[in-house]
């Protein structure tokens, strides 16, 4: 009853449930029905990503709006969802029935009532490590969390969760670059880097039911996530990225130079000329990396200013379109009333 009351307070705003799916026939009907019960006024979209097990038919039967994305990968699906759908609050959830619908109501409240840009369902603080039977996934979650929290001075507990809620600002300003499961990492870094409002609440998690198979490959997808972190760190934190590289080359330079210099102090001679040449090369690379980081940091500040201006323009465009739509609807009502009155007068 409490969850229903929470949703009712937020029901004036349009909510969209986004469910990316690839071969989830075992669970999709239950997921759609559970979220229909929790969000009776929301539009539920299932985006089928080349399923071969009739996931789309079962989702449509359960009452979902079914659309298709033929480019394989969760990132490609999310790109289409975010481009196509208009709402005030977006709930994105996996179609594998691992996330209880009642927890999504709490995330929607954070977006609708507290102005949160991305509300994260934190599995790791509740039942994830006992329910999830894949130990390497647990290790990967901890590693990704440590890397992002270290470099972005954040305190996000669950980076890879599949249950999130988003504001309109986030969805329409987020440039989706990832193609696969690394999309969750990209979304988290985007929100942190652009100073968007994040919130996390613990949610329940249950492992996939028997017969439902995960599409995540621990090794290959884990490497893609790490590559994504490195790429985004280079693009969003260039000073930290390039000064780290500069520091590594500085240590190598000193490691090579100190023995040569010590020998020179003893004998007055430099016998290892090739080593000294390498020292000079590494020293130049050290300085180049440092100044590249300084220059790119300045450019990054300008990009952030442009992002804020672009987001302001997006909001203004939306407000204008909403007002125009309201005027059109009002004009349509007036015309209909005039026609009805005219018919009444004629009769």
Protein backbone atom coordinates (compact mmCIF):
# COMPACT_ATOMS: atom_id res chain seq x y z
CA UNK A 1 0.00 0.00 0.00
CA UNK A 2 2.85 2.35 0.77
CA UNK A 3 4.43 1.80 -2.66
CA UNK A 4 1.11 2.54 -4.37
CA UNK A 5 0.78 5.78 -2.43
CA UNK A 6 4.28 6.78 -3.48
CA UNK A 7 3.47 6.12 -7.12
CA UNK A 8 0.18 8.03 -6.94
CA UNK A 9 1.97 11.14 -5.72
CA UNK A 10 4.21 10.94 -8.79
CA UNK A 11 1.60 9.80 -11.29
CA UNK A 12 1.02 13.28 -12.70
CA UNK A 13 4.33 12.86 -14.47
CA UNK A 14 4.63 10.55 -17.44
CA UNK A 15 6.63 7.42 -16.70
CA UNK A 16 8.11 4.99 -19.22
CA UNK A 17 9.34 1.50 -18.34
CA UNK A 18 12.20 0.46 -20.66
CA UNK A 19 13.03 -3.23 -20.94
CA UNK A 20 15.86 -4.23 -23.31
CA UNK A 21 15.53 -7.91 -24.20
CA UNK A 22 17.45 -10.64 -25.95
CA UNK A 23 16.00 -14.15 -25.64
CA UNK A 24 14.12 -13.63 -22.37
CA UNK A 25 11.05 -15.74 -23.14
CA UNK A 26 11.40 -17.52 -19.79
CA UNK A 27 10.79 -14.35 -17.77
CA UNK A 28 9.50 -11.47 -19.91
CA UNK A 29 5.78 -12.01 -19.31
CA UNK A 30 6.23 -11.96 -15.55
CA UNK A 31 8.43 -8.84 -15.71
CA UNK A 32 5.88 -6.93 -17.82
CA UNK A 33 2.99 -7.92 -15.56
CA UNK A 34 4.89 -7.09 -12.37
CA UNK A 35 5.80 -3.63 -13.64
CA UNK A 36 2.28 -3.05 -14.96
CA UNK A 37 1.00 -3.76 -11.46
CA UNK A 38 3.54 -1.41 -9.86
CA UNK A 39 3.12 1.34 -12.50
CA UNK A 40 -0.49 1.08 -13.73
CA UNK A 41 -0.37 4.36 -15.69
CA UNK A 42 3.08 3.93 -17.22
CA UNK A 43 3.91 2.93 -20.78
CA UNK A 44 5.93 -0.29 -20.84
CA UNK A 45 8.31 -0.68 -23.78
CA UNK A 46 10.09 -3.91 -24.64
CA UNK A 47 12.86 -3.47 -27.19
CA UNK A 48 13.64 -6.81 -28.77
CA UNK A 49 17.27 -7.24 -29.85
CA UNK A 50 17.07 -10.05 -32.44
CA UNK A 51 15.55 -12.64 -30.10
CA UNK A 52 14.89 -16.08 -31.55
CA UNK A 53 12.66 -17.48 -28.79
CA UNK A 54 9.49 -15.39 -29.37
CA UNK A 55 10.31 -12.90 -26.62
CA UNK A 56 8.52 -10.18 -28.62
CA UNK A 57 5.29 -12.17 -28.95
CA UNK A 58 5.18 -12.99 -25.25
CA UNK A 59 5.89 -9.36 -24.28
CA UNK A 60 3.11 -8.11 -26.57
CA UNK A 61 0.74 -10.71 -25.13
CA UNK A 62 1.54 -9.44 -21.61
CA UNK A 63 0.61 -5.90 -22.65
CA UNK A 64 3.91 -4.26 -23.52
CA UNK A 65 4.63 -1.95 -26.45
CA UNK A 66 7.13 -3.94 -28.49
CA UNK A 67 9.76 -2.32 -30.68
CA UNK A 68 12.87 -3.66 -32.36
CA UNK A 69 16.56 -2.83 -32.48
CA UNK A 70 18.43 -4.94 -35.02
CA UNK A 71 21.95 -3.77 -34.16
CA UNK A 72 23.11 -6.28 -31.58
CA UNK A 73 24.13 -5.10 -28.12
CA UNK A 74 22.51 -3.53 -25.08
CA UNK A 75 24.13 -0.17 -25.78
CA UNK A 76 22.52 -0.04 -29.21
CA UNK A 77 19.14 -0.84 -27.66
CA UNK A 78 19.50 1.89 -25.03
CA UNK A 79 20.41 4.41 -27.75
CA UNK A 80 17.16 3.68 -29.59
CA UNK A 81 15.11 3.79 -26.40
CA UNK A 82 16.50 7.14 -25.31
CA UNK A 83 16.04 8.68 -28.75
CA UNK A 84 12.53 7.41 -29.40
CA UNK A 85 10.64 7.74 -26.12
CA UNK A 86 9.33 10.89 -24.44
CA UNK A 87 8.61 10.83 -20.71
CA UNK A 88 9.33 12.66 -17.47
CA UNK A 89 10.73 9.62 -15.69
CA UNK A 90 12.36 6.59 -17.29
CA UNK A 91 12.75 3.25 -15.50
CA UNK A 92 15.20 0.88 -17.18
CA UNK A 93 15.18 -2.72 -16.02
CA UNK A 94 16.53 -6.00 -17.35
CA UNK A 95 14.03 -8.53 -18.65
CA UNK A 96 15.42 -11.43 -16.62
CA UNK A 97 13.18 -11.00 -13.53
CA UNK A 98 16.07 -10.31 -11.17
CA UNK A 99 14.80 -6.90 -9.99
CA UNK A 100 11.55 -6.62 -7.97
CA UNK A 101 9.11 -4.06 -9.39
CA UNK A 102 8.30 -2.60 -5.98
CA UNK A 103 11.88 -1.36 -5.69
CA UNK A 104 11.56 0.52 -8.98
CA UNK A 105 8.73 2.57 -7.45
CA UNK A 106 11.20 3.97 -4.91
CA UNK A 107 13.59 4.95 -7.71
CA UNK A 108 10.78 6.71 -9.59
CA UNK A 109 9.99 8.71 -6.47
CA UNK A 110 13.59 9.99 -6.33
CA UNK A 111 13.37 11.24 -9.92
CA UNK A 112 9.83 12.64 -9.81
CA UNK A 113 9.81 14.18 -6.35
CA UNK A 114 13.45 14.94 -5.52
CA UNK A 115 14.77 15.92 -8.95
CA UNK A 116 17.39 13.16 -9.13
CA UNK A 117 18.90 12.73 -12.60
CA UNK A 118 19.90 9.09 -12.15
CA UNK A 119 18.60 6.88 -9.34
CA UNK A 120 20.58 3.68 -8.96
CA UNK A 121 19.24 0.42 -7.57
CA UNK A 122 22.03 -0.87 -5.32
CA UNK A 123 22.09 -4.68 -5.37
CA UNK A 124 25.47 -5.03 -3.71
CA UNK A 125 24.26 -3.74 -0.34
CA UNK A 126 21.49 -6.32 -0.13
CA UNK A 127 21.25 -9.83 -1.60
CA UNK A 128 23.50 -9.77 -4.68
CA UNK A 129 26.52 -11.58 -3.29
CA UNK A 130 24.37 -14.38 -1.85
CA UNK A 131 22.01 -14.71 -4.82
CA UNK A 132 24.55 -14.36 -7.63
CA UNK A 133 26.32 -17.66 -8.27
CA UNK A 134 29.06 -16.25 -10.57
CA UNK A 135 32.08 -15.37 -8.38
CA UNK A 136 34.04 -13.64 -11.16
CA UNK A 137 31.11 -11.25 -11.64
CA UNK A 138 31.42 -10.28 -7.98
CA UNK A 139 35.15 -9.62 -8.38
CA UNK A 140 34.53 -7.59 -11.53
CA UNK A 141 31.89 -5.47 -9.79
CA UNK A 142 34.33 -4.63 -6.99
CA UNK A 143 37.14 -3.73 -9.41
CA UNK A 144 34.96 -1.47 -11.57
CA UNK A 145 33.54 0.22 -8.47
CA UNK A 146 37.03 0.90 -7.08
CA UNK A 147 38.34 2.34 -10.35
CA UNK A 148 35.43 4.74 -10.88
CA UNK A 149 35.18 5.87 -7.27
CA UNK A 150 38.94 6.47 -7.14
CA UNK A 151 39.27 8.52 -10.30
CA UNK A 152 35.98 10.42 -9.99
CA UNK A 153 36.09 11.00 -6.22
CA UNK A 154 32.69 9.33 -5.93
CA UNK A 155 31.01 6.88 -3.59
CA UNK A 156 28.82 4.81 -5.90
CA UNK A 157 28.23 1.32 -4.56
CA UNK A 158 26.74 -0.50 -7.57
CA UNK A 159 28.12 0.56 -10.96
CA UNK A 160 26.74 -2.34 -13.01
CA UNK A 161 23.16 -2.59 -11.76
CA UNK A 162 20.44 -3.23 -14.32
CA UNK A 163 17.73 -1.24 -12.51
CA UNK A 164 17.92 2.56 -12.80
CA UNK A 165 15.62 5.54 -13.08
CA UNK A 166 16.44 8.61 -15.16
CA UNK A 167 15.20 12.14 -15.59
CA UNK A 168 14.34 13.65 -18.97
CA UNK A 169 17.49 15.80 -18.72
CA UNK A 170 19.72 12.75 -18.41
CA UNK A 171 18.11 10.71 -21.16
CA UNK A 172 18.07 13.46 -23.77
CA UNK A 173 21.59 14.74 -23.06
CA UNK A 174 23.36 11.37 -22.71
CA UNK A 175 25.42 10.50 -25.81
CA UNK A 176 25.39 6.70 -26.04
CA UNK A 177 28.75 5.50 -27.39
CA UNK A 178 28.89 1.94 -26.05
CA UNK A 179 27.44 -0.98 -28.00
CA UNK A 180 27.18 -3.65 -25.33
CA UNK A 181 27.01 -4.28 -21.59
CA UNK A 182 29.52 -1.53 -20.83
CA UNK A 183 26.62 0.93 -21.20
CA UNK A 184 26.00 0.93 -17.40
CA UNK A 185 29.58 2.05 -16.76
CA UNK A 186 29.27 4.77 -19.39
CA UNK A 187 26.05 6.11 -17.86
CA UNK A 188 27.56 6.27 -14.38
CA UNK A 189 30.68 8.09 -15.56
CA UNK A 190 28.61 10.53 -17.64
CA UNK A 191 26.51 11.46 -14.62
CA UNK A 192 29.53 11.88 -12.36
CA UNK A 193 31.54 13.87 -14.87
CA UNK A 194 28.70 16.29 -15.65
CA UNK A 195 27.81 16.90 -12.01
CA UNK A 196 24.34 15.40 -12.36
CA UNK A 197 22.41 14.50 -9.25
CA UNK A 198 22.79 10.83 -8.32
CA UNK A 199 21.07 8.84 -5.63
CA UNK A 200 21.37 5.21 -4.58
CA UNK A 201 19.04 3.03 -2.57
CA UNK A 202 19.44 -0.66 -1.68
CA UNK A 203 17.16 -2.96 -3.66
CA UNK A 204 16.43 -6.63 -3.64
CA UNK A 205 18.08 -8.97 -6.13
CA UNK A 206 17.25 -12.52 -7.05
CA UNK A 207 19.25 -14.76 -9.33
CA UNK A 208 17.85 -15.77 -12.69
CA UNK A 209 15.21 -18.51 -12.52
CA UNK A 210 16.14 -21.94 -13.77
CA UNK A 211 16.16 -22.05 -17.56
CA UNK A 212 17.05 -18.39 -17.97
CA UNK A 213 20.60 -17.89 -19.24
CA UNK A 214 22.76 -14.79 -18.81
CA UNK A 215 24.02 -13.14 -21.99
CA UNK A 216 26.98 -11.57 -20.18
CA UNK A 217 30.40 -13.10 -20.87
CA UNK A 218 32.49 -12.56 -17.76
CA UNK A 219 35.88 -12.26 -19.48
CA UNK A 220 35.15 -10.55 -22.79
CA UNK A 221 32.50 -8.18 -21.46
CA UNK A 222 34.62 -7.47 -18.39
CA UNK A 223 37.53 -6.44 -20.63
CA UNK A 224 35.19 -4.20 -22.63
CA UNK A 225 34.08 -2.51 -19.42
CA UNK A 226 37.69 -1.88 -18.38
CA UNK A 227 38.49 -0.53 -21.84
CA UNK A 228 35.46 1.77 -21.60
CA UNK A 229 36.64 3.07 -18.23
CA UNK A 230 40.08 3.80 -19.68
CA UNK A 231 38.65 5.57 -22.72
CA UNK A 232 36.22 7.66 -20.70
CA UNK A 233 38.91 8.48 -18.16
CA UNK A 234 41.10 9.76 -20.99
CA UNK A 235 38.25 11.87 -22.38
CA UNK A 236 36.76 13.18 -19.13
CA UNK A 237 39.75 13.28 -16.76
CA UNK A 238 42.67 14.01 -19.13
CA UNK A 239 44.92 15.50 -16.44
CA UNK A 240 44.63 12.44 -14.18
CA UNK A 241 45.00 10.08 -17.17
CA UNK A 242 48.04 11.68 -18.79
CA UNK A 243 49.84 12.61 -15.58
CA UNK A 244 49.54 8.97 -14.50
CA UNK A 245 51.24 7.95 -17.74
CA UNK A 246 53.78 10.75 -17.24
CA UNK A 247 54.53 9.47 -13.74
CA UNK A 248 55.12 5.94 -15.05
CA UNK A 249 57.58 7.20 -17.67
CA UNK A 250 59.26 9.42 -15.06
CA UNK A 251 59.89 6.40 -12.86
CA UNK A 252 61.30 4.47 -15.82
CA UNK A 253 63.49 7.45 -16.73
CA UNK A 254 64.87 7.72 -13.21
CA UNK A 255 65.40 3.96 -13.02
CA UNK A 256 67.56 4.08 -16.14
CA UNK A 257 69.30 7.37 -15.41
CA UNK A 258 70.40 6.87 -11.79
CA UNK A 259 72.82 3.94 -12.50
CA UNK A 260 74.32 5.82 -15.44
CA UNK A 261 74.77 8.98 -13.37
CA UNK A 262 76.22 7.03 -10.42
CA UNK A 263 78.77 5.45 -12.75
CA UNK A 264 79.62 8.88 -14.14
CA UNK A 265 80.27 10.23 -10.65
CA UNK A 266 82.67 7.37 -9.94
CA UNK A 267 84.60 7.23 -13.22
CA UNK A 268 83.81 10.48 -14.99
CA UNK A 269 82.80 8.41 -18.02
CA UNK A 270 79.52 7.40 -19.61
CA UNK A 271 79.91 3.94 -21.11
CA UNK A 272 76.20 3.14 -21.64
CA UNK A 273 75.39 5.66 -24.37
CA UNK A 274 72.32 3.71 -25.68
CA UNK A 275 70.85 3.78 -22.17
CA UNK A 276 71.44 7.54 -21.95
CA UNK A 277 69.66 7.99 -25.28
CA UNK A 278 66.69 6.02 -23.93
CA UNK A 279 66.70 8.23 -20.84
CA UNK A 280 66.44 11.30 -23.07
CA UNK A 281 63.56 9.78 -25.08
CA UNK A 282 61.60 8.76 -21.99
CA UNK A 283 62.22 12.17 -20.46
CA UNK A 284 60.69 13.86 -23.52
CA UNK A 285 57.68 11.50 -23.38
CA UNK A 286 57.25 12.34 -19.68
CA UNK A 287 57.08 16.06 -20.39
CA UNK A 288 54.81 15.60 -23.43
CA UNK A 289 52.28 13.53 -21.47
CA UNK A 290 52.21 16.06 -18.66
CA UNK A 291 51.58 19.05 -20.94
CA UNK A 292 49.03 17.10 -23.02
CA UNK A 293 47.10 16.56 -19.80
CA UNK A 294 47.27 20.28 -18.96
CA UNK A 295 46.07 21.36 -22.44
CA UNK A 296 43.26 18.81 -22.67
CA UNK A 297 42.04 19.74 -19.19
CA UNK A 298 41.55 23.32 -20.38
CA UNK A 299 39.65 22.10 -23.45
CA UNK A 300 37.54 19.81 -21.26
CA UNK A 301 36.43 22.79 -19.15
CA UNK A 302 35.16 24.49 -22.29
CA UNK A 303 33.29 21.32 -23.28
CA UNK A 304 31.53 21.30 -19.90
CA UNK A 305 30.42 24.88 -20.40
CA UNK A 306 29.04 23.95 -23.83
CA UNK A 307 27.24 20.96 -22.32
CA UNK A 308 25.48 23.21 -19.78
CA UNK A 309 24.43 25.62 -22.54
CA UNK A 310 23.18 22.75 -24.73
CA UNK A 311 21.20 21.28 -21.83
CA UNK A 312 19.58 24.65 -21.18
CA UNK A 313 18.59 24.90 -24.85
CA UNK A 314 17.14 21.36 -24.74
CA UNK A 315 15.01 22.30 -21.74
CA UNK A 316 13.75 25.49 -23.40
CA UNK A 317 12.88 23.60 -26.59
CA UNK A 318 10.94 21.07 -24.57
CA UNK A 319 9.02 23.74 -22.67
CA UNK A 320 8.14 25.52 -25.92
CA UNK A 321 6.94 22.27 -27.53
CA UNK A 322 4.85 21.41 -24.47
CA UNK A 323 3.22 24.86 -24.47
CA UNK A 324 2.52 24.62 -28.21
CA UNK A 325 0.97 21.20 -27.72
CA UNK A 326 -1.20 22.55 -24.91
CA UNK A 327 -2.37 25.43 -27.11
CA UNK A 328 -3.13 23.06 -29.99
CA UNK A 329 -5.12 20.78 -27.71
CA UNK A 330 -7.01 23.74 -26.26
CA UNK A 331 -7.74 25.07 -29.74
CA UNK A 332 -8.98 21.65 -30.77
CA UNK A 333 -11.37 21.53 -27.81
CA UNK A 334 -12.73 24.99 -28.61
CA UNK A 335 -13.29 24.08 -32.26
CA UNK A 336 -15.07 20.88 -31.24
CA UNK A 337 -17.30 22.82 -28.84
CA UNK A 338 -18.11 25.40 -31.54
CA UNK A 339 -19.08 22.65 -33.99
CA UNK A 340 -21.28 20.98 -31.39
CA UNK A 341 -23.02 24.27 -30.63
CA UNK A 342 -23.51 24.96 -34.34
CA UNK A 343 -25.13 21.56 -34.87
CA UNK A 344 -27.38 22.18 -31.90
CA UNK A 345 -28.43 25.57 -33.25
CA UNK A 346 -29.18 24.11 -36.69
CA UNK A 347 -31.29 21.31 -35.23
